[in-house]
Protein backbone atom coordinates (compact mmCIF):
# COMPACT_ATOMS: atom_id res chain seq x y z
CA MET A 1 8.79 11.45 -17.81
CA LYS A 2 6.11 9.68 -15.88
CA GLY A 3 3.90 11.21 -13.21
CA HIS A 4 5.72 9.68 -10.28
CA HIS A 5 8.95 11.36 -11.44
CA ALA A 6 7.39 14.68 -10.44
CA LEU A 7 7.87 13.57 -6.82
CA LEU A 8 11.59 14.14 -7.34
CA LEU A 9 10.91 17.86 -7.42
CA LEU A 10 9.58 17.92 -3.84
CA PRO A 11 12.97 17.74 -2.06
CA VAL A 12 14.47 20.28 -4.45
CA ILE A 13 11.66 22.75 -3.85
CA ALA A 14 11.69 22.17 -0.08
CA LEU A 15 15.42 22.63 0.29
CA VAL A 16 15.71 25.60 -2.06
CA SER A 17 12.83 27.36 -0.33
CA THR A 18 14.26 26.75 3.17
CA PRO A 19 15.54 30.34 3.69
CA PHE A 20 12.13 31.75 2.78
CA LEU A 21 9.95 29.59 5.03
CA PRO A 22 9.10 31.50 8.21
CA PHE A 23 8.21 28.40 10.24
CA VAL A 24 11.66 26.91 9.57
CA ASN A 25 13.60 30.08 10.33
CA THR A 26 12.46 30.48 13.90
CA PRO A 27 14.68 30.90 16.95
CA GLU A 28 12.86 28.10 18.78
CA PRO A 29 14.61 24.73 18.57
CA TRP A 30 12.90 21.61 17.28
CA PHE A 31 13.77 18.51 19.29
CA GLY A 32 16.62 20.44 20.91
CA LEU A 33 18.27 21.31 17.59
CA PRO A 34 18.06 24.37 15.36
CA SER A 35 14.95 24.14 13.22
CA VAL A 36 16.88 24.39 9.95
CA VAL A 37 19.01 21.38 10.88
CA VAL A 38 15.94 19.28 11.64
CA TRP A 39 14.25 20.47 8.41
CA VAL A 40 17.24 19.58 6.21
CA CYS A 41 17.85 16.23 7.92
CA GLY A 42 14.19 15.34 7.56
CA TRP A 43 14.26 16.13 3.86
CA CYS A 44 17.43 14.06 3.44
CA VAL A 45 15.59 11.04 4.84
CA LEU A 46 12.50 11.79 2.75
CA THR A 47 14.64 12.20 -0.37
CA SER A 48 16.01 8.69 0.10
CA ALA A 49 12.49 7.33 0.49
CA ILE A 50 11.26 9.18 -2.61
CA LEU A 51 14.22 7.96 -4.68
CA ALA A 52 13.58 4.37 -3.56
CA PHE A 53 9.89 4.70 -4.46
CA VAL A 54 10.63 6.06 -7.95
CA LEU A 55 13.28 3.41 -8.57
CA ARG A 56 10.92 0.62 -7.50
CA ARG A 57 8.15 1.95 -9.77
CA ASP A 58 10.54 2.13 -12.72
CA GLU A 59 11.84 -1.40 -12.05
CA ARG A 60 8.32 -2.82 -11.92
CA ALA A 61 7.39 -1.04 -15.13
CA GLY A 62 10.48 -2.43 -16.88
CA ARG A 63 11.89 0.99 -17.74
CA LEU A 64 15.40 0.21 -16.44
CA PRO A 65 17.98 -1.74 -18.44
CA GLU A 66 19.02 -5.14 -17.15
CA VAL A 67 22.37 -5.16 -15.39
CA ASP A 68 24.68 -8.12 -15.94
CA ALA A 69 26.45 -8.60 -12.58
CA ASP A 70 29.03 -10.97 -14.08
CA ALA A 71 30.03 -8.45 -16.73
CA GLU A 72 30.42 -5.74 -14.10
CA ALA A 73 32.59 -7.99 -11.93
CA ARG A 74 34.92 -8.74 -14.84
CA GLY A 75 35.36 -5.05 -15.50
């Protein structure tokens, strides 16, 4: 496991710790929505960005196997 793979733990930690974070579990809405909804939606977007970053780093380092598109199309 490379160092940038540790970034994949951030969304897991953030979402698992959601019930225990006092600033997320407030009665005040964020942007007109419950704070937990905004928190989870934000981490969903960030998770996609983190996954794209890790994938791009692995592709550039040559750690992913080559995919033959013609073989996949044939089944």
